[in-house]
């Protein structure tokens, strides 16, 4: 039987096998998520390596690296903004939701939709406010690493864009759930 092989393969893969074919959109989103995750892991790895080198040079060789603390600080700034977008993807930011929990689920979705729109507006304002800061700091350089300060401040608009993408995804998902509830 021609279908027996595919049925046997699906049965062998178990219930975790995805029966739906992956769409191009799904693959692109997954590639985007993996790219952001890889950047976060790389930033964290560099931060750990620089910290370990700084400790080794200071306490073992008794000859401190003058740039280690500054590099750690700037890597941490970038990691904070990239990590915030990953946290937004999982809807895991700290929230005081004691009042929101008192509403029924349909009302909570409307509140989540409103919160998502407010977040997108906030991120747009912060993005716009970061532009003049980057312009002003483009001529100054960091003390120990001699990196343009604008590179450090670029973490803000990049983080805003990444968080905006994740917030937009969550907001669209909430909107679709609301739409399906209204149709039922």
Protein backbone atom coordinates (compact mmCIF):
# COMPACT_ATOMS: atom_id res chain seq x y z
CA UNK A 1 0.00 0.00 0.00
CA UNK A 2 1.41 3.39 -0.95
CA UNK A 3 0.07 5.15 2.14
CA UNK A 4 1.31 2.47 4.53
CA UNK A 5 4.89 3.73 4.47
CA UNK A 6 3.91 7.28 5.38
CA UNK A 7 1.49 6.05 8.05
CA UNK A 8 4.21 3.82 9.50
CA UNK A 9 6.67 6.72 9.44
CA UNK A 10 4.21 9.03 11.23
CA UNK A 11 3.43 6.32 13.78
CA UNK A 12 7.15 5.76 14.36
CA UNK A 13 7.73 9.47 14.92
CA UNK A 14 5.05 9.51 17.59
CA UNK A 15 2.63 12.22 18.62
CA UNK A 16 5.29 14.93 18.50
CA UNK A 17 5.55 14.77 14.71
CA UNK A 18 3.96 17.81 13.13
CA UNK A 19 1.39 16.75 10.54
CA UNK A 20 1.17 20.25 9.05
CA UNK A 21 3.78 21.23 6.51
CA UNK A 22 5.92 24.14 7.61
CA UNK A 23 5.01 27.28 5.75
CA UNK A 24 7.56 29.76 4.52
CA UNK A 25 6.30 32.25 7.11
CA UNK A 26 6.83 29.73 9.91
CA UNK A 27 10.34 28.95 8.72
CA UNK A 28 11.19 32.66 8.46
CA UNK A 29 9.90 33.36 11.98
CA UNK A 30 11.85 30.40 13.30
CA UNK A 31 15.02 31.65 11.55
CA UNK A 32 14.46 35.11 13.06
CA UNK A 33 13.99 33.61 16.54
CA UNK A 34 17.10 31.46 16.20
CA UNK A 35 19.14 34.47 14.99
CA UNK A 36 18.07 36.57 17.99
CA UNK A 37 18.77 33.65 20.33
CA UNK A 38 22.22 33.14 18.80
CA UNK A 39 23.04 36.83 19.25
CA UNK A 40 21.97 36.65 22.91
CA UNK A 41 24.07 33.52 23.52
CA UNK A 42 27.06 35.11 21.77
CA UNK A 43 26.77 38.29 23.85
CA UNK A 44 26.50 36.27 27.04
CA UNK A 45 29.43 34.04 26.05
CA UNK A 46 31.64 37.04 25.27
CA UNK A 47 30.63 38.60 28.58
CA UNK A 48 31.58 35.45 30.51
CA UNK A 49 34.87 35.15 28.62
CA UNK A 50 35.79 38.81 29.21
CA UNK A 51 34.88 38.53 32.90
CA UNK A 52 36.92 35.34 33.31
CA UNK A 53 39.90 36.94 31.54
CA UNK A 54 39.57 40.04 33.73
CA UNK A 55 39.55 37.97 36.91
CA UNK A 56 42.44 35.79 35.73
CA UNK A 57 44.60 38.75 34.75
CA UNK A 58 43.80 40.75 37.89
CA UNK A 59 44.12 38.02 40.54
CA UNK A 60 46.43 35.42 39.00
CA UNK A 61 48.80 37.52 36.90
CA UNK A 62 48.37 40.63 39.08
CA UNK A 63 48.05 42.75 35.92
CA UNK A 64 44.50 43.99 35.38
CA UNK A 65 43.05 44.41 31.89
CA UNK A 66 42.03 48.07 31.60
CA UNK A 67 39.23 47.35 29.14
CA UNK A 68 37.57 44.30 30.73
CA UNK A 69 35.11 46.12 33.02
CA UNK A 70 34.05 48.54 30.30
CA UNK A 71 33.58 45.77 27.74
CA UNK A 72 31.52 43.78 30.25
CA UNK A 73 29.30 46.78 30.93
CA UNK A 74 28.59 47.41 27.25
CA UNK A 75 28.03 43.74 26.48
CA UNK A 76 25.59 43.62 29.39
CA UNK A 77 23.68 46.62 28.03
CA UNK A 78 23.30 44.93 24.65
CA UNK A 79 22.38 41.61 26.26
CA UNK A 80 19.70 43.34 28.35
CA UNK A 81 17.96 44.76 25.28
CA UNK A 82 18.27 41.60 23.18
CA UNK A 83 17.20 39.48 26.15
CA UNK A 84 14.19 41.72 26.74
CA UNK A 85 12.94 40.89 23.26
CA UNK A 86 13.32 37.16 23.93
CA UNK A 87 11.43 37.59 27.19
CA UNK A 88 8.73 39.50 25.29
CA UNK A 89 8.47 36.60 22.82
CA UNK A 90 7.54 34.30 25.69
CA UNK A 91 5.33 36.93 27.34
CA UNK A 92 7.43 36.50 30.47
CA UNK A 93 8.10 40.07 31.59
CA UNK A 94 7.22 40.89 35.17
CA UNK A 95 3.65 42.12 35.43
CA UNK A 96 1.36 43.08 38.27
CA UNK A 97 -1.80 41.39 37.10
CA UNK A 98 -3.83 41.11 40.27
CA UNK A 99 -6.50 43.48 38.90
CA UNK A 100 -6.48 41.92 35.43
CA UNK A 101 -7.10 38.46 36.91
CA UNK A 102 -10.40 39.66 38.33
CA UNK A 103 -11.81 40.03 34.79
CA UNK A 104 -13.19 37.17 32.72
CA UNK A 105 -10.94 35.71 29.95
CA UNK A 106 -12.57 37.67 27.10
CA UNK A 107 -12.05 40.96 28.92
CA UNK A 108 -8.46 39.98 29.71
CA UNK A 109 -7.78 39.60 25.99
CA UNK A 110 -9.12 43.11 25.34
CA UNK A 111 -6.88 44.42 28.13
CA UNK A 112 -3.93 42.49 26.65
CA UNK A 113 -4.70 44.02 23.26
CA UNK A 114 -4.79 47.52 24.78
CA UNK A 115 -1.54 46.84 26.66
CA UNK A 116 0.12 45.64 23.45
CA UNK A 117 -0.87 48.81 21.60
CA UNK A 118 0.39 50.94 24.52
CA UNK A 119 3.66 49.02 24.49
CA UNK A 120 4.10 49.57 20.75
CA UNK A 121 3.51 53.31 21.23
CA UNK A 122 6.00 53.39 24.10
CA UNK A 123 8.64 51.55 22.06
CA UNK A 124 8.12 53.96 19.14
CA UNK A 125 8.61 56.95 21.46
CA UNK A 126 11.79 55.47 22.98
CA UNK A 127 13.07 54.60 19.49
CA UNK A 128 12.54 58.19 18.31
CA UNK A 129 14.09 59.60 21.49
CA UNK A 130 17.22 57.48 21.01
CA UNK A 131 17.99 58.93 17.57
CA UNK A 132 19.35 62.30 18.80
CA UNK A 133 21.32 60.58 21.56
CA UNK A 134 23.04 58.35 19.02
CA UNK A 135 23.75 61.34 16.81
CA UNK A 136 25.27 63.33 19.68
CA UNK A 137 27.40 60.43 20.91
CA UNK A 138 28.65 59.41 17.47
CA UNK A 139 31.75 61.56 17.83
CA UNK A 140 32.71 60.49 21.36
CA UNK A 141 34.55 57.26 22.08
CA UNK A 142 34.71 54.98 25.09
CA UNK A 143 37.66 55.40 27.41
CA UNK A 144 39.23 51.94 27.53
CA UNK A 145 37.95 50.15 24.42
CA UNK A 146 37.97 53.18 22.07
CA UNK A 147 34.60 52.16 20.60
CA UNK A 148 32.23 54.91 19.42
CA UNK A 149 29.67 55.57 22.17
CA UNK A 150 26.96 55.53 19.51
CA UNK A 151 27.55 51.78 19.16
CA UNK A 152 26.69 51.35 22.84
CA UNK A 153 23.58 53.52 22.53
CA UNK A 154 22.48 51.62 19.40
CA UNK A 155 21.32 48.89 21.79
CA UNK A 156 18.27 51.05 22.59
CA UNK A 157 16.74 51.34 19.09
CA UNK A 158 17.76 47.80 18.17
CA UNK A 159 16.13 46.52 21.36
CA UNK A 160 13.03 48.62 20.67
CA UNK A 161 12.71 47.14 17.18
CA UNK A 162 13.18 43.58 18.45
CA UNK A 163 10.71 44.10 21.31
CA UNK A 164 8.32 45.82 18.92
CA UNK A 165 8.39 42.81 16.60
CA UNK A 166 7.61 40.46 19.50
CA UNK A 167 4.93 42.78 20.91
CA UNK A 168 3.33 43.04 17.49
CA UNK A 169 3.31 39.25 17.19
CA UNK A 170 1.65 38.89 20.61
CA UNK A 171 -0.85 41.65 19.83
CA UNK A 172 -1.79 40.08 16.48
CA UNK A 173 -2.21 36.70 18.17
CA UNK A 174 -4.49 38.32 20.77
CA UNK A 175 -6.45 40.11 18.03
CA UNK A 176 -6.97 36.83 16.17
CA UNK A 177 -8.22 35.13 19.33
CA UNK A 178 -10.66 37.98 19.87
CA UNK A 179 -11.82 37.72 16.25
CA UNK A 180 -12.43 33.99 16.56
CA UNK A 181 -14.39 34.54 19.80
CA UNK A 182 -16.57 37.18 18.17
CA UNK A 183 -17.35 34.85 15.22
CA UNK A 184 -18.44 32.02 17.54
